[in-house]
Amino acid sequence: MNTKQLCDLAVEALEDIKGIDIKVLDVVDKSSVTDIMIFASGNTSRQVKALANNVADKAKKAGSPALGIEGDDGNEWVLVDLGDVVVHIMQPAIREFYNLEKLWGEDSPTNDRR
């Protein structure tokens, strides 16, 4: 599965569980760790966990299992590492506090999905 397909799969998985304010950042020129970062919010810890689980489940079924899932014990911020695509799922207050989209550069090409 190529990076674009993996990105599309992750976004669709987030949309399935009603992820909020989904943003896709191309960080290929800014990171040696990943090519794409996806950010999404969930209103509750339960929704954040469901979003992360859906991304991981769909990736596994497509033959690209997650390399790791971090933060699923507290569910305020869960990171799903799909290799070339990293998905950050946060509750709105956590997302606003860390403001990772700005950290990775507002000049990065972005794609807002809702």
PDB file of N, CA and C in Angstrom:
ATOM      1  N   MET A   1       0.858  -1.171   0.000  1.00  0.00           N
ATOM      2  CA  MET A   1       0.000   0.000   0.000  1.00  0.00           C
ATOM      3  C   MET A   1       0.907   1.238   0.000  1.00  0.00           C
ATOM      4  N   ASN A   2       0.674   2.162  -0.936  1.00  0.00           N
ATOM      5  CA  ASN A   2       1.517   3.351  -0.984  1.00  0.00           C
ATOM      6  C   ASN A   2       1.057   4.394   0.047  1.00  0.00           C
ATOM      7  N   THR A   3       1.832   5.452   0.189  1.00  0.00           N
ATOM      8  CA  THR A   3       1.572   6.456   1.227  1.00  0.00           C
ATOM      9  C   THR A   3       0.217   7.124   1.042  1.00  0.00           C
ATOM     10  N   LYS A   4      -0.137   7.474  -0.179  1.00  0.00           N
ATOM     11  CA  LYS A   4      -1.420   8.131  -0.426  1.00  0.00           C
ATOM     12  C   LYS A   4      -2.577   7.209  -0.055  1.00  0.00           C
ATOM     13  N   GLN A   5      -2.486   5.943  -0.435  1.00  0.00           N
ATOM     14  CA  GLN A   5      -3.546   4.995  -0.098  1.00  0.00           C
ATOM     15  C   GLN A   5      -3.674   4.828   1.415  1.00  0.00           C
ATOM     16  N   LEU A   6      -2.549   4.759   2.094  1.00  0.00           N
ATOM     17  CA  LEU A   6      -2.544   4.624   3.550  1.00  0.00           C
ATOM     18  C   LEU A   6      -3.140   5.866   4.206  1.00  0.00           C
ATOM     19  N   CYS A   7      -2.789   7.032   3.691  1.00  0.00           N
ATOM     20  CA  CYS A   7      -3.344   8.289   4.199  1.00  0.00           C
ATOM     21  C   CYS A   7      -4.860   8.315   4.005  1.00  0.00           C
ATOM     22  N   ASP A   8      -5.308   7.979   2.810  1.00  0.00           N
ATOM     23  CA  ASP A   8      -6.748   7.963   2.522  1.00  0.00           C
ATOM     24  C   ASP A   8      -7.479   6.971   3.421  1.00  0.00           C
ATOM     25  N   LEU A   9      -6.881   5.801   3.637  1.00  0.00           N
ATOM     26  CA  LEU A   9      -7.481   4.797   4.505  1.00  0.00           C
ATOM     27  C   LEU A   9      -7.635   5.337   5.930  1.00  0.00           C
ATOM     28  N   ALA A  10      -6.590   5.998   6.439  1.00  0.00           N
ATOM     29  CA  ALA A  10      -6.631   6.539   7.802  1.00  0.00           C
ATOM     30  C   ALA A  10      -7.694   7.628   7.919  1.00  0.00           C
ATOM     31  N   VAL A  11      -7.767   8.509   6.939  1.00  0.00           N
ATOM     32  CA  VAL A  11      -8.766   9.581   6.974  1.00  0.00           C
ATOM     33  C   VAL A  11     -10.176   8.992   6.934  1.00  0.00           C
ATOM     34  N   GLU A  12     -10.388   8.011   6.071  1.00  0.00           N
ATOM     35  CA  GLU A  12     -11.705   7.366   6.005  1.00  0.00           C
ATOM     36  C   GLU A  12     -12.062   6.699   7.329  1.00  0.00           C
ATOM     37  N   ALA A  13     -11.081   6.064   7.964  1.00  0.00           N
ATOM     38  CA  ALA A  13     -11.330   5.418   9.259  1.00  0.00           C
ATOM     39  C   ALA A  13     -11.708   6.448  10.314  1.00  0.00           C
ATOM     40  N   LEU A  14     -11.073   7.611  10.270  1.00  0.00           N
ATOM     41  CA  LEU A  14     -11.408   8.688  11.207  1.00  0.00           C
ATOM     42  C   LEU A  14     -12.802   9.233  10.924  1.00  0.00           C
ATOM     43  N   GLU A  15     -13.131   9.402   9.657  1.00  0.00           N
ATOM     44  CA  GLU A  15     -14.450   9.909   9.282  1.00  0.00           C
ATOM     45  C   GLU A  15     -15.554   8.935   9.681  1.00  0.00           C
ATOM     46  N   ASP A  16     -15.272   7.624   9.617  1.00  0.00           N
ATOM     47  CA  ASP A  16     -16.257   6.600   9.992  1.00  0.00           C
ATOM     48  C   ASP A  16     -16.746   6.770  11.426  1.00  0.00           C
ATOM     49  N   ILE A  17     -15.850   7.203  12.314  1.00  0.00           N
ATOM     50  CA  ILE A  17     -16.178   7.324  13.740  1.00  0.00           C
ATOM     51  C   ILE A  17     -16.410   8.802  14.099  1.00  0.00           C
ATOM     52  N   LYS A  18     -16.645   9.611  13.089  1.00  0.00           N
ATOM     53  CA  LYS A  18     -16.974  11.039  13.269  1.00  0.00           C
ATOM     54  C   LYS A  18     -15.843  11.837  13.902  1.00  0.00           C
ATOM     55  N   GLY A  19     -14.596  11.585  13.452  1.00  0.00           N
ATOM     56  CA  GLY A  19     -13.464  12.394  13.890  1.00  0.00           C
ATOM     57  C   GLY A  19     -13.698  13.856  13.540  1.00  0.00           C
ATOM     58  N   ILE A  20     -13.221  14.725  14.387  1.00  0.00           N
ATOM     59  CA  ILE A  20     -13.462  16.167  14.249  1.00  0.00           C
ATOM     60  C   ILE A  20     -12.202  16.866  13.758  1.00  0.00           C
ATOM     61  N   ASP A  21     -12.389  17.835  12.874  1.00  0.00           N
ATOM     62  CA  ASP A  21     -11.315  18.726  12.416  1.00  0.00           C
ATOM     63  C   ASP A  21     -10.096  17.931  11.954  1.00  0.00           C
ATOM     64  N   ILE A  22     -10.306  17.055  10.985  1.00  0.00           N
ATOM     65  CA  ILE A  22      -9.234  16.207  10.462  1.00  0.00           C
ATOM     66  C   ILE A  22      -8.342  17.044   9.550  1.00  0.00           C
ATOM     67  N   LYS A  23      -7.046  17.027   9.838  1.00  0.00           N
ATOM     68  CA  LYS A  23      -6.079  17.763   9.021  1.00  0.00           C
ATOM     69  C   LYS A  23      -4.953  16.825   8.615  1.00  0.00           C
ATOM     70  N   VAL A  24      -4.520  16.985   7.373  1.00  0.00           N
ATOM     71  CA  VAL A  24      -3.434  16.178   6.821  1.00  0.00           C
ATOM     72  C   VAL A  24      -2.282  17.117   6.495  1.00  0.00           C
ATOM     73  N   LEU A  25      -1.106  16.843   7.066  1.00  0.00           N
ATOM     74  CA  LEU A  25       0.091  17.646   6.803  1.00  0.00           C
ATOM     75  C   LEU A  25       1.137  16.805   6.100  1.00  0.00           C
ATOM     76  N   ASP A  26       1.687  17.343   5.028  1.00  0.00           N
ATOM     77  CA  ASP A  26       2.793  16.724   4.321  1.00  0.00           C
ATOM     78  C   ASP A  26       4.079  17.200   4.993  1.00  0.00           C
ATOM     79  N   VAL A  27       4.799  16.305   5.658  1.00  0.00           N
ATOM     80  CA  VAL A  27       6.024  16.671   6.375  1.00  0.00           C
ATOM     81  C   VAL A  27       7.247  15.965   5.782  1.00  0.00           C
ATOM     82  N   VAL A  28       7.126  15.537   4.535  1.00  0.00           N
ATOM     83  CA  VAL A  28       8.205  14.779   3.904  1.00  0.00           C
ATOM     84  C   VAL A  28       9.517  15.563   3.891  1.00  0.00           C
ATOM     85  N   ASP A  29       9.448  16.888   3.753  1.00  0.00           N
ATOM     86  CA  ASP A  29      10.661  17.714   3.738  1.00  0.00           C
ATOM     87  C   ASP A  29      11.083  18.170   5.131  1.00  0.00           C
ATOM     88  N   LYS A  30      10.295  17.820   6.171  1.00  0.00           N
ATOM     89  CA  LYS A  30      10.590  18.286   7.528  1.00  0.00           C
ATOM     90  C   LYS A  30      10.896  17.172   8.510  1.00  0.00           C
ATOM     91  N   SER A  31      10.669  15.930   8.106  1.00  0.00           N
ATOM     92  CA  SER A  31      10.847  14.815   9.026  1.00  0.00           C
ATOM     93  C   SER A  31      11.465  13.625   8.295  1.00  0.00           C
ATOM     94  N   SER A  32      12.397  12.990   8.960  1.00  0.00           N
ATOM     95  CA  SER A  32      12.954  11.763   8.408  1.00  0.00           C
ATOM     96  C   SER A  32      12.214  10.537   8.955  1.00  0.00           C
ATOM     97  N   VAL A  33      11.271  10.778   9.841  1.00  0.00           N
ATOM     98  CA  VAL A  33      10.545   9.695  10.501  1.00  0.00           C
ATOM     99  C   VAL A  33       9.296   9.294   9.730  1.00  0.00           C
ATOM    100  N   THR A  34       8.601  10.263   9.141  1.00  0.00           N
ATOM    101  CA  THR A  34       7.348   9.991   8.448  1.00  0.00           C
ATOM    102  C   THR A  34       7.152  10.989   7.318  1.00  0.00           C
ATOM    103  N   ASP A  35       6.228  10.686   6.434  1.00  0.00           N
ATOM    104  CA  ASP A  35       5.929  11.581   5.311  1.00  0.00           C
ATOM    105  C   ASP A  35       4.672  12.407   5.539  1.00  0.00           C
ATOM    106  N   ILE A  36       3.696  11.810   6.203  1.00  0.00           N
ATOM    107  CA  ILE A  36       2.392  12.452   6.412  1.00  0.00           C
ATOM    108  C   ILE A  36       2.029  12.376   7.887  1.00  0.00           C
ATOM    109  N   MET A  37       1.515  13.494   8.416  1.00  0.00           N
ATOM    110  CA  MET A  37       0.924  13.498   9.752  1.00  0.00           C
ATOM    111  C   MET A  37      -0.545  13.865   9.606  1.00  0.00           C
ATOM    112  N   ILE A  38      -1.360  13.092  10.270  1.00  0.00           N
ATOM    113  CA  ILE A  38      -2.797  13.357  10.281  1.00  0.00           C
ATOM    114  C   ILE A  38      -3.181  13.703  11.706  1.00  0.00           C
ATOM    115  N   PHE A  39      -3.983  14.762  11.850  1.00  0.00           N
ATOM    116  CA  PHE A  39      -4.458  15.203  13.155  1.00  0.00           C
ATOM    117  C   PHE A  39      -5.977  15.146  13.159  1.00  0.00           C
ATOM    118  N   ALA A  40      -6.534  14.660  14.263  1.00  0.00           N
ATOM    119  CA  ALA A  40      -7.988  14.617  14.409  1.00  0.00           C
ATOM    120  C   ALA A  40      -8.324  14.735  15.887  1.00  0.00           C
ATOM    121  N   SER A  41      -9.541  15.163  16.148  1.00  0.00           N
ATOM    122  CA  SER A  41     -10.004  15.269  17.527  1.00  0.00           C
ATOM    123  C   SER A  41     -11.195  14.353  17.749  1.00  0.00           C
ATOM    124  N   GLY A  42     -11.312  13.926  19.006  1.00  0.00           N
ATOM    125  CA  GLY A  42     -12.475  13.190  19.479  1.00  0.00           C
ATOM    126  C   GLY A  42     -12.959  13.865  20.740  1.00  0.00           C
ATOM    127  N   ASN A  43     -14.257  13.978  20.923  1.00  0.00           N
ATOM    128  CA  ASN A  43     -14.818  14.736  22.049  1.00  0.00           C
ATOM    129  C   ASN A  43     -14.594  14.101  23.408  1.00  0.00           C
ATOM    130  N   THR A  44     -14.464  12.799  23.456  1.00  0.00           N
ATOM    131  CA  THR A  44     -14.312  12.097  24.733  1.00  0.00           C
ATOM    132  C   THR A  44     -13.170  11.095  24.631  1.00  0.00           C
ATOM    133  N   SER A  45     -12.720  10.614  25.785  1.00  0.00           N
ATOM    134  CA  SER A  45     -11.663   9.595  25.766  1.00  0.00           C
ATOM    135  C   SER A  45     -12.147   8.338  25.056  1.00  0.00           C
ATOM    136  N   ARG A  46     -13.406   8.014  25.195  1.00  0.00           N
ATOM    137  CA  ARG A  46     -13.976   6.841  24.530  1.00  0.00           C
ATOM    138  C   ARG A  46     -13.936   7.009  22.998  1.00  0.00           C
ATOM    139  N   GLN A  47     -14.263   8.222  22.517  1.00  0.00           N
ATOM    140  CA  GLN A  47     -14.228   8.454  21.071  1.00  0.00           C
ATOM    141  C   GLN A  47     -12.789   8.448  20.557  1.00  0.00           C
ATOM    142  N   VAL A  48     -11.856   9.027  21.317  1.00  0.00           N
ATOM    143  CA  VAL A  48     -10.454   9.018  20.911  1.00  0.00           C
ATOM    144  C   VAL A  48      -9.978   7.574  20.763  1.00  0.00           C
ATOM    145  N   LYS A  49     -10.312   6.738  21.713  1.00  0.00           N
ATOM    146  CA  LYS A  49      -9.914   5.328  21.653  1.00  0.00           C
ATOM    147  C   LYS A  49     -10.562   4.630  20.462  1.00  0.00           C
ATOM    148  N   ALA A  50     -11.837   4.892  20.228  1.00  0.00           N
ATOM    149  CA  ALA A  50     -12.539   4.274  19.104  1.00  0.00           C
ATOM    150  C   ALA A  50     -11.936   4.703  17.769  1.00  0.00           C
ATOM    151  N   LEU A  51     -11.570   5.971  17.658  1.00  0.00           N
ATOM    152  CA  LEU A  51     -10.937   6.469  16.437  1.00  0.00           C
ATOM    153  C   LEU A  51      -9.613   5.754  16.183  1.00  0.00           C
ATOM    154  N   ALA A  52      -8.784   5.672  17.215  1.00  0.00           N
ATOM    155  CA  ALA A  52      -7.479   5.005  17.087  1.00  0.00           C
ATOM    156  C   ALA A  52      -7.652   3.528  16.735  1.00  0.00           C
ATOM    157  N   ASN A  53      -8.572   2.870  17.398  1.00  0.00           N
ATOM    158  CA  ASN A  53      -8.810   1.451  17.122  1.00  0.00           C
ATOM    159  C   ASN A  53      -9.290   1.238  15.689  1.00  0.00           C
ATOM    160  N   ASN A  54     -10.147   2.132  15.198  1.00  0.00           N
ATOM    161  CA  ASN A  54     -10.664   1.982  13.843  1.00  0.00           C
ATOM    162  C   ASN A  54      -9.555   2.172  12.806  1.00  0.00           C
ATOM    163  N   VAL A  55      -8.682   3.149  13.033  1.00  0.00           N
ATOM    164  CA  VAL A  55      -7.547   3.355  12.128  1.00  0.00           C
ATOM    165  C   VAL A  55      -6.666   2.105  12.115  1.00  0.00           C
ATOM    166  N   ALA A  56      -6.317   1.610  13.290  1.00  0.00           N
ATOM    167  CA  ALA A  56      -5.446   0.432  13.387  1.00  0.00           C
ATOM    168  C   ALA A  56      -6.105  -0.801  12.772  1.00  0.00           C
ATOM    169  N   ASP A  57      -7.392  -1.005  13.033  1.00  0.00           N
ATOM    170  CA  ASP A  57      -8.096  -2.170  12.497  1.00  0.00           C
ATOM    171  C   ASP A  57      -8.167  -2.139  10.973  1.00  0.00           C
ATOM    172  N   LYS A  58      -8.512  -0.981  10.414  1.00  0.00           N
ATOM    173  CA  LYS A  58      -8.632  -0.880   8.955  1.00  0.00           C
ATOM    174  C   LYS A  58      -7.272  -1.039   8.271  1.00  0.00           C
ATOM    175  N   ALA A  59      -6.234  -0.489   8.891  1.00  0.00           N
ATOM    176  CA  ALA A  59      -4.887  -0.635   8.323  1.00  0.00           C
ATOM    177  C   ALA A  59      -4.467  -2.101   8.343  1.00  0.00           C
ATOM    178  N   LYS A  60      -4.745  -2.788   9.434  1.00  0.00           N
ATOM    179  CA  LYS A  60      -4.392  -4.212   9.549  1.00  0.00           C
ATOM    180  C   LYS A  60      -5.132  -5.034   8.496  1.00  0.00           C
ATOM    181  N   LYS A  61      -6.433  -4.776   8.325  1.00  0.00           N
ATOM    182  CA  LYS A  61      -7.223  -5.513   7.329  1.00  0.00           C
ATOM    183  C   LYS A  61      -6.728  -5.252   5.914  1.00  0.00           C
ATOM    184  N   ALA A  62      -6.145  -4.064   5.685  1.00  0.00           N
ATOM    185  CA  ALA A  62      -5.632  -3.706   4.365  1.00  0.00           C
ATOM    186  C   ALA A  62      -4.207  -4.227   4.145  1.00  0.00           C
ATOM    187  N   GLY A  63      -3.654  -4.895   5.157  1.00  0.00           N
ATOM    188  CA  GLY A  63      -2.320  -5.467   5.016  1.00  0.00           C
ATOM    189  C   GLY A  63      -1.189  -4.551   5.451  1.00  0.00           C
ATOM    190  N   SER A  64      -1.514  -3.464   6.141  1.00  0.00           N
ATOM    191  CA  SER A  64      -0.499  -2.523   6.647  1.00  0.00           C
ATOM    192  C   SER A  64      -0.714  -2.284   8.136  1.00  0.00           C
ATOM    193  N   PRO A  65      -0.426  -3.272   8.963  1.00  0.00           N
ATOM    194  CA  PRO A  65      -0.690  -3.122  10.392  1.00  0.00           C
ATOM    195  C   PRO A  65       0.122  -1.989  11.009  1.00  0.00           C
ATOM    196  N   ALA A  66      -0.442  -1.400  12.047  1.00  0.00           N
ATOM    197  CA  ALA A  66       0.238  -0.315  12.766  1.00  0.00           C
ATOM    198  C   ALA A  66       1.556  -0.817  13.339  1.00  0.00           C
ATOM    199  N   LEU A  67       2.571   0.021  13.239  1.00  0.00           N
ATOM    200  CA  LEU A  67       3.871  -0.306  13.824  1.00  0.00           C
ATOM    201  C   LEU A  67       3.836  -0.110  15.331  1.00  0.00           C
ATOM    202  N   GLY A  68       2.928   0.743  15.790  1.00  0.00           N
ATOM    203  CA  GLY A  68       2.785   0.985  17.217  1.00  0.00           C
ATOM    204  C   GLY A  68       1.615   1.896  17.497  1.00  0.00           C
ATOM    205  N   ILE A  69       1.100   1.785  18.716  1.00  0.00           N
ATOM    206  CA  ILE A  69       0.029   2.651  19.195  1.00  0.00           C
ATOM    207  C   ILE A  69       0.452   3.122  20.575  1.00  0.00           C
ATOM    208  N   GLU A  70       0.520   4.427  20.741  1.00  0.00           N
ATOM    209  CA  GLU A  70       0.950   5.008  22.019  1.00  0.00           C
ATOM    210  C   GLU A  70      -0.151   5.872  22.607  1.00  0.00           C
ATOM    211  N   GLY A  71      -0.296   5.833  23.926  1.00  0.00           N
ATOM    212  CA  GLY A  71      -1.220   6.707  24.627  1.00  0.00           C
ATOM    213  C   GLY A  71      -2.608   6.155  24.801  1.00  0.00           C
ATOM    214  N   ASP A  72      -2.808   4.905  24.426  1.00  0.00           N
ATOM    215  CA  ASP A  72      -4.156   4.365  24.518  1.00  0.00           C
ATOM    216  C   ASP A  72      -4.551   3.964  25.939  1.00  0.00           C
ATOM    217  N   ASP A  73      -3.670   4.216  26.899  1.00  0.00           N
ATOM    218  CA  ASP A  73      -4.030   3.949  28.290  1.00  0.00           C
ATOM    219  C   ASP A  73      -4.856   5.094  28.880  1.00  0.00           C
ATOM    220  N   GLY A  74      -4.591   6.338  28.483  1.00  0.00           N
ATOM    221  CA  GLY A  74      -5.338   7.475  29.013  1.00  0.00           C
ATOM    222  C   GLY A  74      -6.350   8.030  28.034  1.00  0.00           C
ATOM    223  N   ASN A  75      -6.084   7.858  26.762  1.00  0.00           N
ATOM    224  CA  ASN A  75      -6.994   8.250  25.691  1.00  0.00           C
ATOM    225  C   ASN A  75      -7.272   9.747  25.588  1.00  0.00           C
ATOM    226  N   GLU A  76      -6.354  10.584  26.082  1.00  0.00           N
ATOM    227  CA  GLU A  76      -6.467  12.016  25.813  1.00  0.00           C
ATOM    228  C   GLU A  76      -5.759  12.329  24.492  1.00  0.00           C
ATOM    229  N   TRP A  77      -4.687  11.574  24.210  1.00  0.00           N
ATOM    230  CA  TRP A  77      -3.906  11.730  22.987  1.00  0.00           C
ATOM    231  C   TRP A  77      -3.366  10.358  22.625  1.00  0.00           C
ATOM    232  N   VAL A  78      -3.797   9.843  21.494  1.00  0.00           N
ATOM    233  CA  VAL A  78      -3.339   8.543  21.026  1.00  0.00           C
ATOM    234  C   VAL A  78      -2.638   8.739  19.685  1.00  0.00           C
ATOM    235  N   LEU A  79      -1.477   8.137  19.546  1.00  0.00           N
ATOM    236  CA  LEU A  79      -0.712   8.193  18.314  1.00  0.00           C
ATOM    237  C   LEU A  79      -0.732   6.807  17.687  1.00  0.00           C
ATOM    238  N   VAL A  80      -1.107   6.747  16.409  1.00  0.00           N
ATOM    239  CA  VAL A  80      -1.088   5.493  15.664  1.00  0.00           C
ATOM    240  C   VAL A  80      -0.008   5.632  14.594  1.00  0.00           C
ATOM    241  N   ASP A  81       1.035   4.811  14.707  1.00  0.00           N
ATOM    242  CA  ASP A  81       2.170   4.860  13.787  1.00  0.00           C
ATOM    243  C   ASP A  81       1.957   3.836  12.679  1.00  0.00           C
ATOM    244  N   LEU A  82       1.734   4.343  11.469  1.00  0.00           N
ATOM    245  CA  LEU A  82       1.560   3.479  10.309  1.00  0.00           C
ATOM    246  C   LEU A  82       2.783   3.524   9.391  1.00  0.00           C
ATOM    247  N   GLY A  83       3.900   4.017   9.924  1.00  0.00           N
ATOM    248  CA  GLY A  83       5.125   4.117   9.132  1.00  0.00           C
ATOM    249  C   GLY A  83       5.195   5.444   8.409  1.00  0.00           C
ATOM    250  N   ASP A  84       4.852   5.461   7.133  1.00  0.00           N
ATOM    251  CA  ASP A  84       4.887   6.698   6.355  1.00  0.00           C
ATOM    252  C   ASP A  84       3.781   7.666   6.745  1.00  0.00           C
ATOM    253  N   VAL A  85       2.814   7.189   7.515  1.00  0.00           N
ATOM    254  CA  VAL A  85       1.704   8.018   7.983  1.00  0.00           C
ATOM    255  C   VAL A  85       1.601   7.857   9.497  1.00  0.00           C
ATOM    256  N   VAL A  86       1.598   8.985  10.195  1.00  0.00           N
ATOM    257  CA  VAL A  86       1.423   8.976  11.652  1.00  0.00           C
ATOM    258  C   VAL A  86       0.140   9.741  11.964  1.00  0.00           C
ATOM    259  N   VAL A  87      -0.720   9.115  12.760  1.00  0.00           N
ATOM    260  CA  VAL A  87      -2.024   9.696  13.081  1.00  0.00           C
ATOM    261  C   VAL A  87      -2.051  10.099  14.553  1.00  0.00           C
ATOM    262  N   HIS A  88      -2.323  11.381  14.808  1.00  0.00           N
ATOM    263  CA  HIS A  88      -2.472  11.912  16.157  1.00  0.00           C
ATOM    264  C   HIS A  88      -3.960  12.152  16.396  1.00  0.00           C
ATOM    265  N   ILE A  89      -4.499  11.551  17.435  1.00  0.00           N
ATOM    266  CA  ILE A  89      -5.906  11.725  17.776  1.00  0.00           C
ATOM    267  C   ILE A  89      -5.960  12.253  19.201  1.00  0.00           C
ATOM    268  N   MET A  90      -6.572  13.425  19.373  1.00  0.00           N
ATOM    269  CA  MET A  90      -6.548  14.100  20.671  1.00  0.00           C
ATOM    270  C   MET A  90      -7.913  14.653  21.036  1.00  0.00           C
ATOM    271  N   GLN A  91      -8.105  14.801  22.334  1.00  0.00           N
ATOM    272  CA  GLN A  91      -9.253  15.571  22.783  1.00  0.00           C
ATOM    273  C   GLN A  91      -8.970  17.045  22.473  1.00  0.00           C
ATOM    274  N   PRO A  92     -10.003  17.849  22.203  1.00  0.00           N
ATOM    275  CA  PRO A  92      -9.794  19.226  21.755  1.00  0.00           C
ATOM    276  C   PRO A  92      -8.885  20.076  22.651  1.00  0.00           C
ATOM    277  N   ALA A  93      -9.001  19.983  23.960  1.00  0.00           N
ATOM    278  CA  ALA A  93      -8.164  20.806  24.849  1.00  0.00           C
ATOM    279  C   ALA A  93      -6.692  20.431  24.729  1.00  0.00           C
ATOM    280  N   ILE A  94      -6.403  19.152  24.598  1.00  0.00           N
ATOM    281  CA  ILE A  94      -5.019  18.682  24.442  1.00  0.00           C
ATOM    282  C   ILE A  94      -4.466  19.144  23.100  1.00  0.00           C
ATOM    283  N   ARG A  95      -5.284  19.021  22.078  1.00  0.00           N
ATOM    284  CA  ARG A  95      -4.853  19.441  20.739  1.00  0.00           C
ATOM    285  C   ARG A  95      -4.560  20.933  20.692  1.00  0.00           C
ATOM    286  N   GLU A  96      -5.409  21.711  21.315  1.00  0.00           N
ATOM    287  CA  GLU A  96      -5.193  23.160  21.345  1.00  0.00           C
ATOM    288  C   GLU A  96      -3.935  23.506  22.141  1.00  0.00           C
ATOM    289  N   PHE A  97      -3.713  22.821  23.261  1.00  0.00           N
ATOM    290  CA  PHE A  97      -2.552  23.107  24.106  1.00  0.00           C
ATOM    291  C   PHE A  97      -1.236  22.830  23.371  1.00  0.00           C
ATOM    292  N   TYR A  98      -1.127  21.668  22.735  1.00  0.00           N
ATOM    293  CA  TYR A  98       0.126  21.295  22.070  1.00  0.00           C
ATOM    294  C   TYR A  98       0.270  21.906  20.677  1.00  0.00           C
ATOM    295  N   ASN A  99      -0.830  22.160  20.003  1.00  0.00           N
ATOM    296  CA  ASN A  99      -0.850  22.836  18.708  1.00  0.00           C
ATOM    297  C   ASN A  99       0.220  22.288  17.749  1.00  0.00           C
ATOM    298  N   LEU A 100       0.216  20.994  17.566  1.00  0.00           N
ATOM    299  CA  LEU A 100       1.230  20.335  16.738  1.00  0.00           C
ATOM    300  C   LEU A 100       1.202  20.774  15.280  1.00  0.00           C
ATOM    301  N   GLU A 101       0.032  21.139  14.785  1.00  0.00           N
ATOM    302  CA  GLU A 101      -0.031  21.595  13.396  1.00  0.00           C
ATOM    303  C   GLU A 101       0.872  22.807  13.189  1.00  0.00           C
ATOM    304  N   LYS A 102       0.863  23.718  14.145  1.00  0.00           N
ATOM    305  CA  LYS A 102       1.721  24.897  14.037  1.00  0.00           C
ATOM    306  C   LYS A 102       3.191  24.515  14.229  1.00  0.00           C
ATOM    307  N   LEU A 103       3.448  23.597  15.154  1.00  0.00           N
ATOM    308  CA  LEU A 103       4.816  23.149  15.396  1.00  0.00           C
ATOM    309  C   LEU A 103       5.449  22.600  14.120  1.00  0.00           C
ATOM    310  N   TRP A 104       4.669  21.844  13.353  1.00  0.00           N
ATOM    311  CA  TRP A 104       5.197  21.252  12.123  1.00  0.00           C
ATOM    312  C   TRP A 104       5.142  22.215  10.954  1.00  0.00           C
ATOM    313  N   GLY A 105       4.640  23.411  11.195  1.00  0.00           N
ATOM    314  CA  GLY A 105       4.728  24.465  10.188  1.00  0.00           C
ATOM    315  C   GLY A 105       3.446  24.706   9.439  1.00  0.00           C
ATOM    316  N   GLU A 106       2.951  25.904   9.583  1.00  0.00           N
ATOM    317  CA  GLU A 106       1.736  26.271   8.878  1.00  0.00           C
ATOM    318  C   GLU A 106       1.971  26.391   7.384  1.00  0.00           C
ATOM    319  N   ASP A 107       3.234  26.489   6.957  1.00  0.00           N
ATOM    320  CA  ASP A 107       3.520  26.589   5.542  1.00  0.00           C
ATOM    321  C   ASP A 107       3.515  25.230   4.847  1.00  0.00           C
ATOM    322  N   SER A 108       3.354  24.147   5.631  1.00  0.00           N
ATOM    323  CA  SER A 108       3.248  22.821   5.029  1.00  0.00           C
ATOM    324  C   SER A 108       1.923  22.732   4.278  1.00  0.00           C
ATOM    325  N   PRO A 109       1.920  22.048   3.136  1.00  0.00           N
ATOM    326  CA  PRO A 109       0.648  21.839   2.456  1.00  0.00           C
ATOM    327  C   PRO A 109      -0.289  21.081   3.386  1.00  0.00           C
ATOM    328  N   THR A 110      -1.482  21.569   3.549  1.00  0.00           N
ATOM    329  CA  THR A 110      -2.443  20.905   4.408  1.00  0.00           C
ATOM    330  C   THR A 110      -3.695  20.597   3.637  1.00  0.00           C
ATOM    331  N   ASN A 111      -4.436  19.672   4.165  1.00  0.00           N
ATOM    332  CA  ASN A 111      -5.710  19.305   3.578  1.00  0.00           C
ATOM    333  C   ASN A 111      -6.688  19.147   4.728  1.00  0.00           C
ATOM    334  N   ASP A 112      -7.636  20.069   4.832  1.00  0.00           N
ATOM    335  CA  ASP A 112      -8.626  19.999   5.889  1.00  0.00           C
ATOM    336  C   ASP A 112      -9.717  19.012   5.468  1.00  0.00           C
ATOM    337  N   ARG A 113     -10.071  18.136   6.386  1.00  0.00           N
ATOM    338  CA  ARG A 113     -11.159  17.194   6.140  1.00  0.00           C
ATOM    339  C   ARG A 113     -12.100  17.273   7.311  1.00  0.00           C
ATOM    340  N   ARG A 114     -13.369  17.241   7.043  1.00  0.00           N
ATOM    341  CA  ARG A 114     -14.357  17.258   8.115  1.00  0.00           C
ATOM    342  C   ARG A 114     -15.427  16.276   7.866  1.00  0.00           C
TER     343      ARG A 114
END
